[in-house]
Amino acid sequence: MKRKLFAGGRKAPLVTLMTIGLVLAPALAMAATTSAASGSSAAAAKYIGAAAAMAVSALSAGYAQAKIGSAAAGTIAERPETATMLIVLQALPEIIVLLGFVTSLLIVSAS
């Protein structure tokens, strides 16, 4: 019998932890370098905050696009004339990512 790797619904927390680790690792490395050079932990907190702002906005936009995409596929199958509107709705969560990017730039550039 073949064993499932992620049995029992334990896949989501593992994927979430891996994603957070991959997103925050460069920020922590940059923060450690900056903190060692300048001697303050404020610079480290700045980079970690910028990484968190970008990570949360990207993950939430991905979640929204997944939900919209699955609903749009069913709707287009039943009513093909709604395809243009649903493509626009699929693109709207990207604004969340852009706002997260701008926020992270503002956090890093603040003195």
PDB file of N, CA and C in Angstrom:
ATOM      1  N   MET A   1       0.830  -1.172   0.000  1.00  0.00           N
ATOM      2  CA  MET A   1       0.000   0.000   0.000  1.00  0.00           C
ATOM      3  C   MET A   1       0.884   1.248   0.000  1.00  0.00           C
ATOM      4  N   LYS A   2       0.506   2.209  -0.812  1.00  0.00           N
ATOM      5  CA  LYS A   2       1.284   3.422  -0.958  1.00  0.00           C
ATOM      6  C   LYS A   2       0.951   4.400   0.172  1.00  0.00           C
ATOM      7  N   ARG A   3       1.970   4.931   0.816  1.00  0.00           N
ATOM      8  CA  ARG A   3       1.758   5.898   1.886  1.00  0.00           C
ATOM      9  C   ARG A   3       1.653   7.298   1.326  1.00  0.00           C
ATOM     10  N   LYS A   4       0.724   8.069   1.868  1.00  0.00           N
ATOM     11  CA  LYS A   4       0.612   9.464   1.477  1.00  0.00           C
ATOM     12  C   LYS A   4       1.598  10.285   2.292  1.00  0.00           C
ATOM     13  N   LEU A   5       2.242  11.223   1.628  1.00  0.00           N
ATOM     14  CA  LEU A   5       3.233  12.040   2.305  1.00  0.00           C
ATOM     15  C   LEU A   5       2.568  13.033   3.254  1.00  0.00           C
ATOM     16  N   PHE A   6       1.488  13.654   2.803  1.00  0.00           N
ATOM     17  CA  PHE A   6       0.781  14.636   3.613  1.00  0.00           C
ATOM     18  C   PHE A   6      -0.593  14.094   3.976  1.00  0.00           C
ATOM     19  N   ALA A   7      -0.660  13.076   4.780  1.00  0.00           N
ATOM     20  CA  ALA A   7      -1.932  12.471   5.160  1.00  0.00           C
ATOM     21  C   ALA A   7      -2.564  13.261   6.296  1.00  0.00           C
ATOM     22  N   GLY A   8      -3.864  13.280   6.316  1.00  0.00           N
ATOM     23  CA  GLY A   8      -4.582  13.872   7.422  1.00  0.00           C
ATOM     24  C   GLY A   8      -4.698  15.382   7.380  1.00  0.00           C
ATOM     25  N   GLY A   9      -4.543  16.012   6.251  1.00  0.00           N
ATOM     26  CA  GLY A   9      -4.714  17.450   6.150  1.00  0.00           C
ATOM     27  C   GLY A   9      -3.595  18.252   6.793  1.00  0.00           C
ATOM     28  N   ARG A  10      -2.418  17.719   6.865  1.00  0.00           N
ATOM     29  CA  ARG A  10      -1.295  18.425   7.481  1.00  0.00           C
ATOM     30  C   ARG A  10      -0.466  19.185   6.459  1.00  0.00           C
ATOM     31  N   LYS A  11      -0.954  19.297   5.267  1.00  0.00           N
ATOM     32  CA  LYS A  11      -0.194  19.935   4.206  1.00  0.00           C
ATOM     33  C   LYS A  11      -0.162  21.448   4.355  1.00  0.00           C
ATOM     34  N   ALA A  12      -1.270  22.066   4.708  1.00  0.00           N
ATOM     35  CA  ALA A  12      -1.354  23.524   4.744  1.00  0.00           C
ATOM     36  C   ALA A  12      -0.388  24.157   5.743  1.00  0.00           C
ATOM     37  N   PRO A  13      -0.314  23.701   6.991  1.00  0.00           N
ATOM     38  CA  PRO A  13       0.647  24.338   7.908  1.00  0.00           C
ATOM     39  C   PRO A  13       2.092  24.158   7.472  1.00  0.00           C
ATOM     40  N   LEU A  14       2.416  23.019   6.899  1.00  0.00           N
ATOM     41  CA  LEU A  14       3.777  22.777   6.447  1.00  0.00           C
ATOM     42  C   LEU A  14       4.136  23.709   5.290  1.00  0.00           C
ATOM     43  N   VAL A  15       3.236  23.846   4.342  1.00  0.00           N
ATOM     44  CA  VAL A  15       3.485  24.735   3.208  1.00  0.00           C
ATOM     45  C   VAL A  15       3.582  26.177   3.677  1.00  0.00           C
ATOM     46  N   THR A  16       2.748  26.557   4.634  1.00  0.00           N
ATOM     47  CA  THR A  16       2.793  27.918   5.156  1.00  0.00           C
ATOM     48  C   THR A  16       4.118  28.196   5.845  1.00  0.00           C
ATOM     49  N   LEU A  17       4.575  27.282   6.664  1.00  0.00           N
ATOM     50  CA  LEU A  17       5.854  27.474   7.344  1.00  0.00           C
ATOM     51  C   LEU A  17       7.020  27.520   6.359  1.00  0.00           C
ATOM     52  N   MET A  18       6.977  26.677   5.345  1.00  0.00           N
ATOM     53  CA  MET A  18       8.041  26.686   4.346  1.00  0.00           C
ATOM     54  C   MET A  18       8.047  28.000   3.574  1.00  0.00           C
ATOM     55  N   THR A  19       6.870  28.504   3.227  1.00  0.00           N
ATOM     56  CA  THR A  19       6.778  29.758   2.485  1.00  0.00           C
ATOM     57  C   THR A  19       7.288  30.918   3.321  1.00  0.00           C
ATOM     58  N   ILE A  20       6.881  30.966   4.575  1.00  0.00           N
ATOM     59  CA  ILE A  20       7.350  32.042   5.450  1.00  0.00           C
ATOM     60  C   ILE A  20       8.862  31.973   5.616  1.00  0.00           C
ATOM     61  N   GLY A  21       9.382  30.778   5.760  1.00  0.00           N
ATOM     62  CA  GLY A  21      10.823  30.622   5.886  1.00  0.00           C
ATOM     63  C   GLY A  21      11.576  31.072   4.648  1.00  0.00           C
ATOM     64  N   LEU A  22      11.063  30.722   3.475  1.00  0.00           N
ATOM     65  CA  LEU A  22      11.721  31.120   2.230  1.00  0.00           C
ATOM     66  C   LEU A  22      11.627  32.612   1.981  1.00  0.00           C
ATOM     67  N   VAL A  23      10.542  33.226   2.420  1.00  0.00           N
ATOM     68  CA  VAL A  23      10.375  34.658   2.203  1.00  0.00           C
ATOM     69  C   VAL A  23      11.210  35.459   3.200  1.00  0.00           C
ATOM     70  N   LEU A  24      11.255  35.016   4.452  1.00  0.00           N
ATOM     71  CA  LEU A  24      11.950  35.789   5.473  1.00  0.00           C
ATOM     72  C   LEU A  24      13.446  35.523   5.527  1.00  0.00           C
ATOM     73  N   ALA A  25      13.927  34.450   4.944  1.00  0.00           N
ATOM     74  CA  ALA A  25      15.355  34.134   5.018  1.00  0.00           C
ATOM     75  C   ALA A  25      16.238  35.231   4.423  1.00  0.00           C
ATOM     76  N   PRO A  26      15.951  35.746   3.215  1.00  0.00           N
ATOM     77  CA  PRO A  26      16.794  36.828   2.702  1.00  0.00           C
ATOM     78  C   PRO A  26      16.709  38.094   3.551  1.00  0.00           C
ATOM     79  N   ALA A  27      15.514  38.381   4.085  1.00  0.00           N
ATOM     80  CA  ALA A  27      15.370  39.573   4.913  1.00  0.00           C
ATOM     81  C   ALA A  27      16.164  39.444   6.210  1.00  0.00           C
ATOM     82  N   LEU A  28      16.143  38.260   6.796  1.00  0.00           N
ATOM     83  CA  LEU A  28      16.915  38.059   8.022  1.00  0.00           C
ATOM     84  C   LEU A  28      18.415  38.142   7.757  1.00  0.00           C
ATOM     85  N   ALA A  29      18.850  37.630   6.613  1.00  0.00           N
ATOM     86  CA  ALA A  29      20.271  37.719   6.266  1.00  0.00           C
ATOM     87  C   ALA A  29      20.686  39.171   6.047  1.00  0.00           C
ATOM     88  N   MET A  30      19.837  39.934   5.355  1.00  0.00           N
ATOM     89  CA  MET A  30      20.124  41.351   5.125  1.00  0.00           C
ATOM     90  C   MET A  30      20.106  42.115   6.444  1.00  0.00           C
ATOM     91  N   ALA A  31      19.147  41.764   7.309  1.00  0.00           N
ATOM     92  CA  ALA A  31      19.039  42.446   8.592  1.00  0.00           C
ATOM     93  C   ALA A  31      20.251  42.148   9.467  1.00  0.00           C
ATOM     94  N   ALA A  32      20.731  40.923   9.447  1.00  0.00           N
ATOM     95  CA  ALA A  32      21.898  40.571  10.253  1.00  0.00           C
ATOM     96  C   ALA A  32      23.139  41.300   9.748  1.00  0.00           C
ATOM     97  N   THR A  33      23.277  41.413   8.441  1.00  0.00           N
ATOM     98  CA  THR A  33      24.410  42.126   7.864  1.00  0.00           C
ATOM     99  C   THR A  33      24.358  43.598   8.220  1.00  0.00           C
ATOM    100  N   THR A  34      23.181  44.189   8.083  1.00  0.00           N
ATOM    101  CA  THR A  34      23.016  45.608   8.377  1.00  0.00           C
ATOM    102  C   THR A  34      23.180  45.870   9.867  1.00  0.00           C
ATOM    103  N   SER A  35      22.626  44.992  10.684  1.00  0.00           N
ATOM    104  CA  SER A  35      22.707  45.157  12.128  1.00  0.00           C
ATOM    105  C   SER A  35      24.150  45.058  12.612  1.00  0.00           C
ATOM    106  N   ALA A  36      24.911  44.146  12.038  1.00  0.00           N
ATOM    107  CA  ALA A  36      26.311  43.996  12.432  1.00  0.00           C
ATOM    108  C   ALA A  36      27.135  45.206  12.000  1.00  0.00           C
ATOM    109  N   ALA A  37      26.780  45.768  10.859  1.00  0.00           N
ATOM    110  CA  ALA A  37      27.537  46.903  10.350  1.00  0.00           C
ATOM    111  C   ALA A  37      27.198  48.186  11.105  1.00  0.00           C
ATOM    112  N   SER A  38      25.923  48.410  11.393  1.00  0.00           N
ATOM    113  CA  SER A  38      25.532  49.667  12.022  1.00  0.00           C
ATOM    114  C   SER A  38      25.392  49.553  13.530  1.00  0.00           C
ATOM    115  N   GLY A  39      25.253  48.349  14.045  1.00  0.00           N
ATOM    116  CA  GLY A  39      25.163  48.156  15.476  1.00  0.00           C
ATOM    117  C   GLY A  39      23.779  48.398  16.051  1.00  0.00           C
ATOM    118  N   SER A  40      22.766  48.565  15.245  1.00  0.00           N
ATOM    119  CA  SER A  40      21.425  48.805  15.783  1.00  0.00           C
ATOM    120  C   SER A  40      20.470  47.720  15.308  1.00  0.00           C
ATOM    121  N   SER A  41      19.517  47.414  16.157  1.00  0.00           N
ATOM    122  CA  SER A  41      18.515  46.423  15.771  1.00  0.00           C
ATOM    123  C   SER A  41      17.337  47.064  15.058  1.00  0.00           C
ATOM    124  N   ALA A  42      17.306  48.396  14.995  1.00  0.00           N
ATOM    125  CA  ALA A  42      16.225  49.085  14.280  1.00  0.00           C
ATOM    126  C   ALA A  42      16.306  48.804  12.789  1.00  0.00           C
ATOM    127  N   ALA A  43      17.495  48.737  12.263  1.00  0.00           N
ATOM    128  CA  ALA A  43      17.657  48.440  10.835  1.00  0.00           C
ATOM    129  C   ALA A  43      17.218  47.015  10.543  1.00  0.00           C
ATOM    130  N   ALA A  44      17.510  46.109  11.468  1.00  0.00           N
ATOM    131  CA  ALA A  44      17.090  44.723  11.275  1.00  0.00           C
ATOM    132  C   ALA A  44      15.579  44.614  11.295  1.00  0.00           C
ATOM    133  N   ALA A  45      14.940  45.316  12.208  1.00  0.00           N
ATOM    134  CA  ALA A  45      13.477  45.297  12.287  1.00  0.00           C
ATOM    135  C   ALA A  45      12.846  45.911  11.041  1.00  0.00           C
ATOM    136  N   LYS A  46      13.517  46.880  10.464  1.00  0.00           N
ATOM    137  CA  LYS A  46      13.005  47.520   9.257  1.00  0.00           C
ATOM    138  C   LYS A  46      12.947  46.532   8.097  1.00  0.00           C
ATOM    139  N   TYR A  47      14.002  45.766   7.900  1.00  0.00           N
ATOM    140  CA  TYR A  47      14.019  44.796   6.805  1.00  0.00           C
ATOM    141  C   TYR A  47      13.064  43.637   7.052  1.00  0.00           C
ATOM    142  N   ILE A  48      12.946  43.222   8.293  1.00  0.00           N
ATOM    143  CA  ILE A  48      12.006  42.142   8.609  1.00  0.00           C
ATOM    144  C   ILE A  48      10.572  42.618   8.399  1.00  0.00           C
ATOM    145  N   GLY A  49      10.278  43.845   8.773  1.00  0.00           N
ATOM    146  CA  GLY A  49       8.939  44.404   8.546  1.00  0.00           C
ATOM    147  C   GLY A  49       8.610  44.537   7.072  1.00  0.00           C
ATOM    148  N   ALA A  50       9.585  44.945   6.281  1.00  0.00           N
ATOM    149  CA  ALA A  50       9.364  45.059   4.838  1.00  0.00           C
ATOM    150  C   ALA A  50       9.114  43.692   4.214  1.00  0.00           C
ATOM    151  N   ALA A  51       9.869  42.695   4.657  1.00  0.00           N
ATOM    152  CA  ALA A  51       9.661  41.343   4.134  1.00  0.00           C
ATOM    153  C   ALA A  51       8.300  40.796   4.549  1.00  0.00           C
ATOM    154  N   ALA A  52       7.889  41.082   5.767  1.00  0.00           N
ATOM    155  CA  ALA A  52       6.579  40.611   6.227  1.00  0.00           C
ATOM    156  C   ALA A  52       5.454  41.283   5.453  1.00  0.00           C
ATOM    157  N   ALA A  53       5.593  42.580   5.164  1.00  0.00           N
ATOM    158  CA  ALA A  53       4.564  43.286   4.390  1.00  0.00           C
ATOM    159  C   ALA A  53       4.426  42.693   2.992  1.00  0.00           C
ATOM    160  N   MET A  54       5.539  42.395   2.369  1.00  0.00           N
ATOM    161  CA  MET A  54       5.502  41.821   1.023  1.00  0.00           C
ATOM    162  C   MET A  54       4.978  40.387   1.056  1.00  0.00           C
ATOM    163  N   ALA A  55       5.379  39.621   2.053  1.00  0.00           N
ATOM    164  CA  ALA A  55       4.960  38.218   2.128  1.00  0.00           C
ATOM    165  C   ALA A  55       3.462  38.101   2.375  1.00  0.00           C
ATOM    166  N   VAL A  56       2.942  38.888   3.285  1.00  0.00           N
ATOM    167  CA  VAL A  56       1.510  38.815   3.588  1.00  0.00           C
ATOM    168  C   VAL A  56       0.679  39.249   2.396  1.00  0.00           C
ATOM    169  N   SER A  57       1.108  40.313   1.726  1.00  0.00           N
ATOM    170  CA  SER A  57       0.328  40.768   0.569  1.00  0.00           C
ATOM    171  C   SER A  57       0.382  39.755  -0.574  1.00  0.00           C
ATOM    172  N   ALA A  58       1.530  39.135  -0.800  1.00  0.00           N
ATOM    173  CA  ALA A  58       1.635  38.155  -1.886  1.00  0.00           C
ATOM    174  C   ALA A  58       0.835  36.894  -1.577  1.00  0.00           C
ATOM    175  N   LEU A  59       0.893  36.415  -0.344  1.00  0.00           N
ATOM    176  CA  LEU A  59       0.143  35.212   0.017  1.00  0.00           C
ATOM    177  C   LEU A  59      -1.365  35.452  -0.016  1.00  0.00           C
ATOM    178  N   SER A  60      -1.791  36.626   0.436  1.00  0.00           N
ATOM    179  CA  SER A  60      -3.227  36.905   0.410  1.00  0.00           C
ATOM    180  C   SER A  60      -3.736  37.085  -1.019  1.00  0.00           C
ATOM    181  N   ALA A  61      -2.937  37.690  -1.881  1.00  0.00           N
ATOM    182  CA  ALA A  61      -3.346  37.822  -3.282  1.00  0.00           C
ATOM    183  C   ALA A  61      -3.403  36.466  -3.968  1.00  0.00           C
ATOM    184  N   GLY A  62      -2.472  35.593  -3.653  1.00  0.00           N
ATOM    185  CA  GLY A  62      -2.502  34.244  -4.217  1.00  0.00           C
ATOM    186  C   GLY A  62      -3.729  33.473  -3.777  1.00  0.00           C
ATOM    187  N   TYR A  63      -4.101  33.612  -2.513  1.00  0.00           N
ATOM    188  CA  TYR A  63      -5.304  32.956  -2.004  1.00  0.00           C
ATOM    189  C   TYR A  63      -6.546  33.500  -2.708  1.00  0.00           C
ATOM    190  N   ALA A  64      -6.607  34.822  -2.861  1.00  0.00           N
ATOM    191  CA  ALA A  64      -7.765  35.427  -3.529  1.00  0.00           C
ATOM    192  C   ALA A  64      -7.854  34.987  -4.984  1.00  0.00           C
ATOM    193  N   GLN A  65      -6.724  34.938  -5.668  1.00  0.00           N
ATOM    194  CA  GLN A  65      -6.747  34.518  -7.065  1.00  0.00           C
ATOM    195  C   GLN A  65      -7.144  33.056  -7.207  1.00  0.00           C
ATOM    196  N   ALA A  66      -6.779  32.229  -6.267  1.00  0.00           N
ATOM    197  CA  ALA A  66      -7.179  30.824  -6.329  1.00  0.00           C
ATOM    198  C   ALA A  66      -8.687  30.692  -6.204  1.00  0.00           C
ATOM    199  N   LYS A  67      -9.272  31.429  -5.267  1.00  0.00           N
ATOM    200  CA  LYS A  67     -10.728  31.362  -5.080  1.00  0.00           C
ATOM    201  C   LYS A  67     -11.470  31.953  -6.280  1.00  0.00           C
ATOM    202  N   ILE A  68     -10.998  33.081  -6.774  1.00  0.00           N
ATOM    203  CA  ILE A  68     -11.653  33.715  -7.925  1.00  0.00           C
ATOM    204  C   ILE A  68     -11.497  32.848  -9.169  1.00  0.00           C
ATOM    205  N   GLY A  69     -10.320  32.259  -9.346  1.00  0.00           N
ATOM    206  CA  GLY A  69     -10.078  31.437 -10.528  1.00  0.00           C
ATOM    207  C   GLY A  69     -10.958  30.213 -10.590  1.00  0.00           C
ATOM    208  N   SER A  70     -11.139  29.555  -9.455  1.00  0.00           N
ATOM    209  CA  SER A  70     -11.982  28.358  -9.463  1.00  0.00           C
ATOM    210  C   SER A  70     -13.446  28.716  -9.685  1.00  0.00           C
ATOM    211  N   ALA A  71     -13.888  29.824  -9.116  1.00  0.00           N
ATOM    212  CA  ALA A  71     -15.272  30.254  -9.348  1.00  0.00           C
ATOM    213  C   ALA A  71     -15.458  30.720 -10.792  1.00  0.00           C
ATOM    214  N   ALA A  72     -14.450  31.381 -11.338  1.00  0.00           N
ATOM    215  CA  ALA A  72     -14.546  31.868 -12.714  1.00  0.00           C
ATOM    216  C   ALA A  72     -14.594  30.718 -13.711  1.00  0.00           C
ATOM    217  N   ALA A  73     -13.854  29.667 -13.450  1.00  0.00           N
ATOM    218  CA  ALA A  73     -13.866  28.530 -14.373  1.00  0.00           C
ATOM    219  C   ALA A  73     -15.255  27.910 -14.477  1.00  0.00           C
ATOM    220  N   GLY A  74     -15.915  27.773 -13.343  1.00  0.00           N
ATOM    221  CA  GLY A  74     -17.277  27.234 -13.360  1.00  0.00           C
ATOM    222  C   GLY A  74     -18.269  28.170 -14.026  1.00  0.00           C
ATOM    223  N   THR A  75     -18.095  29.469 -13.793  1.00  0.00           N
ATOM    224  CA  THR A  75     -19.006  30.442 -14.385  1.00  0.00           C
ATOM    225  C   THR A  75     -18.831  30.526 -15.894  1.00  0.00           C
ATOM    226  N   ILE A  76     -17.598  30.506 -16.354  1.00  0.00           N
ATOM    227  CA  ILE A  76     -17.343  30.575 -17.800  1.00  0.00           C
ATOM    228  C   ILE A  76     -17.868  29.320 -18.492  1.00  0.00           C
ATOM    229  N   ALA A  77     -17.809  28.188 -17.822  1.00  0.00           N
ATOM    230  CA  ALA A  77     -18.334  26.960 -18.416  1.00  0.00           C
ATOM    231  C   ALA A  77     -19.838  27.053 -18.635  1.00  0.00           C
ATOM    232  N   GLU A  78     -20.531  27.735 -17.732  1.00  0.00           N
ATOM    233  CA  GLU A  78     -21.980  27.858 -17.870  1.00  0.00           C
ATOM    234  C   GLU A  78     -22.394  29.066 -18.712  1.00  0.00           C
ATOM    235  N   ARG A  79     -21.672  30.175 -18.550  1.00  0.00           N
ATOM    236  CA  ARG A  79     -22.026  31.407 -19.278  1.00  0.00           C
ATOM    237  C   ARG A  79     -20.759  32.015 -19.878  1.00  0.00           C
ATOM    238  N   PRO A  80     -20.412  31.654 -21.109  1.00  0.00           N
ATOM    239  CA  PRO A  80     -19.158  32.140 -21.703  1.00  0.00           C
ATOM    240  C   PRO A  80     -19.108  33.651 -21.920  1.00  0.00           C
ATOM    241  N   GLU A  81     -20.232  34.314 -21.948  1.00  0.00           N
ATOM    242  CA  GLU A  81     -20.233  35.766 -22.193  1.00  0.00           C
ATOM    243  C   GLU A  81     -19.669  36.554 -21.006  1.00  0.00           C
ATOM    244  N   THR A  82     -19.494  35.920 -19.867  1.00  0.00           N
ATOM    245  CA  THR A  82     -18.960  36.614 -18.694  1.00  0.00           C
ATOM    246  C   THR A  82     -17.436  36.529 -18.600  1.00  0.00           C
ATOM    247  N   ALA A  83     -16.788  36.026 -19.620  1.00  0.00           N
ATOM    248  CA  ALA A  83     -15.341  35.783 -19.554  1.00  0.00           C
ATOM    249  C   ALA A  83     -14.547  37.070 -19.357  1.00  0.00           C
ATOM    250  N   THR A  84     -14.915  38.145 -20.046  1.00  0.00           N
ATOM    251  CA  THR A  84     -14.155  39.393 -19.943  1.00  0.00           C
ATOM    252  C   THR A  84     -14.214  39.951 -18.532  1.00  0.00           C
ATOM    253  N   MET A  85     -15.392  39.970 -17.952  1.00  0.00           N
ATOM    254  CA  MET A  85     -15.543  40.492 -16.602  1.00  0.00           C
ATOM    255  C   MET A  85     -14.764  39.640 -15.598  1.00  0.00           C
ATOM    256  N   LEU A  86     -14.773  38.346 -15.784  1.00  0.00           N
ATOM    257  CA  LEU A  86     -14.092  37.466 -14.842  1.00  0.00           C
ATOM    258  C   LEU A  86     -12.576  37.538 -14.976  1.00  0.00           C
ATOM    259  N   ILE A  87     -12.081  37.833 -16.170  1.00  0.00           N
ATOM    260  CA  ILE A  87     -10.640  38.034 -16.336  1.00  0.00           C
ATOM    261  C   ILE A  87     -10.210  39.298 -15.594  1.00  0.00           C
ATOM    262  N   VAL A  88     -11.044  40.340 -15.644  1.00  0.00           N
ATOM    263  CA  VAL A  88     -10.750  41.565 -14.895  1.00  0.00           C
ATOM    264  C   VAL A  88     -10.757  41.279 -13.393  1.00  0.00           C
ATOM    265  N   LEU A  89     -11.731  40.508 -12.930  1.00  0.00           N
ATOM    266  CA  LEU A  89     -11.782  40.152 -11.515  1.00  0.00           C
ATOM    267  C   LEU A  89     -10.580  39.309 -11.099  1.00  0.00           C
ATOM    268  N   GLN A  90     -10.059  38.524 -11.996  1.00  0.00           N
ATOM    269  CA  GLN A  90      -8.870  37.712 -11.711  1.00  0.00           C
ATOM    270  C   GLN A  90      -7.634  38.598 -11.556  1.00  0.00           C
ATOM    271  N   ALA A  91      -7.596  39.719 -12.255  1.00  0.00           N
ATOM    272  CA  ALA A  91      -6.428  40.607 -12.196  1.00  0.00           C
ATOM    273  C   ALA A  91      -6.460  41.560 -11.000  1.00  0.00           C
ATOM    274  N   LEU A  92      -7.608  41.780 -10.402  1.00  0.00           N
ATOM    275  CA  LEU A  92      -7.713  42.747  -9.308  1.00  0.00           C
ATOM    276  C   LEU A  92      -6.864  42.415  -8.075  1.00  0.00           C
ATOM    277  N   PRO A  93      -6.732  41.177  -7.665  1.00  0.00           N
ATOM    278  CA  PRO A  93      -5.889  40.922  -6.480  1.00  0.00           C
ATOM    279  C   PRO A  93      -4.420  41.289  -6.663  1.00  0.00           C
ATOM    280  N   GLU A  94      -3.990  41.490  -7.880  1.00  0.00           N
ATOM    281  CA  GLU A  94      -2.608  41.915  -8.094  1.00  0.00           C
ATOM    282  C   GLU A  94      -2.360  43.293  -7.516  1.00  0.00           C
ATOM    283  N   ILE A  95      -3.418  44.089  -7.348  1.00  0.00           N
ATOM    284  CA  ILE A  95      -3.268  45.405  -6.722  1.00  0.00           C
ATOM    285  C   ILE A  95      -2.797  45.231  -5.285  1.00  0.00           C
ATOM    286  N   ILE A  96      -3.241  44.174  -4.626  1.00  0.00           N
ATOM    287  CA  ILE A  96      -2.802  43.913  -3.253  1.00  0.00           C
ATOM    288  C   ILE A  96      -1.286  43.707  -3.212  1.00  0.00           C
ATOM    289  N   VAL A  97      -0.768  42.987  -4.195  1.00  0.00           N
ATOM    290  CA  VAL A  97       0.681  42.754  -4.238  1.00  0.00           C
ATOM    291  C   VAL A  97       1.425  44.060  -4.498  1.00  0.00           C
ATOM    292  N   LEU A  98       0.909  44.878  -5.393  1.00  0.00           N
ATOM    293  CA  LEU A  98       1.557  46.163  -5.674  1.00  0.00           C
ATOM    294  C   LEU A  98       1.548  47.062  -4.442  1.00  0.00           C
ATOM    295  N   LEU A  99       0.443  47.078  -3.704  1.00  0.00           N
ATOM    296  CA  LEU A  99       0.391  47.884  -2.487  1.00  0.00           C
ATOM    297  C   LEU A  99       1.359  47.360  -1.428  1.00  0.00           C
ATOM    298  N   GLY A 100       1.500  46.054  -1.331  1.00  0.00           N
ATOM    299  CA  GLY A 100       2.483  45.481  -0.412  1.00  0.00           C
ATOM    300  C   GLY A 100       3.902  45.824  -0.812  1.00  0.00           C
ATOM    301  N   PHE A 101       4.167  45.854  -2.107  1.00  0.00           N
ATOM    302  CA  PHE A 101       5.494  46.210  -2.602  1.00  0.00           C
ATOM    303  C   PHE A 101       5.809  47.667  -2.290  1.00  0.00           C
ATOM    304  N   VAL A 102       4.842  48.549  -2.540  1.00  0.00           N
ATOM    305  CA  VAL A 102       5.041  49.969  -2.244  1.00  0.00           C
ATOM    306  C   VAL A 102       5.234  50.177  -0.742  1.00  0.00           C
ATOM    307  N   THR A 103       4.454  49.460   0.062  1.00  0.00           N
ATOM    308  CA  THR A 103       4.602  49.568   1.510  1.00  0.00           C
ATOM    309  C   THR A 103       5.984  49.115   1.962  1.00  0.00           C
ATOM    310  N   SER A 104       6.458  48.025   1.396  1.00  0.00           N
ATOM    311  CA  SER A 104       7.794  47.544   1.784  1.00  0.00           C
ATOM    312  C   SER A 104       8.877  48.521   1.337  1.00  0.00           C
ATOM    313  N   LEU A 105       8.706  49.156   0.182  1.00  0.00           N
ATOM    314  CA  LEU A 105       9.672  50.176  -0.235  1.00  0.00           C
ATOM    315  C   LEU A 105       9.653  51.380   0.695  1.00  0.00           C
ATOM    316  N   LEU A 106       8.459  51.778   1.127  1.00  0.00           N
ATOM    317  CA  LEU A 106       8.374  52.909   2.064  1.00  0.00           C
ATOM    318  C   LEU A 106       9.009  52.569   3.409  1.00  0.00           C
ATOM    319  N   ILE A 107       8.837  51.326   3.848  1.00  0.00           N
ATOM    320  CA  ILE A 107       9.440  50.925   5.119  1.00  0.00           C
ATOM    321  C   ILE A 107      10.958  50.937   5.026  1.00  0.00           C
ATOM    322  N   VAL A 108      11.500  50.418   3.937  1.00  0.00           N
ATOM    323  CA  VAL A 108      12.960  50.358   3.787  1.00  0.00           C
ATOM    324  C   VAL A 108      13.557  51.732   3.588  1.00  0.00           C
ATOM    325  N   SER A 109      12.876  52.603   2.863  1.00  0.00           N
ATOM    326  CA  SER A 109      13.451  53.927   2.580  1.00  0.00           C
ATOM    327  C   SER A 109      13.264  54.918   3.728  1.00  0.00           C
ATOM    328  N   ALA A 110      12.451  54.578   4.729  1.00  0.00           N
ATOM    329  CA  ALA A 110      12.255  55.489   5.871  1.00  0.00           C
ATOM    330  C   ALA A 110      13.531  55.563   6.685  1.00  0.00           C
ATOM    331  N   SER A 111      13.803  56.761   7.169  1.00  0.00           N
ATOM    332  CA  SER A 111      15.047  56.893   7.934  1.00  0.00           C
ATOM    333  C   SER A 111      14.854  56.808   9.421  1.00  0.00           C
TER     334      SER A 111
END
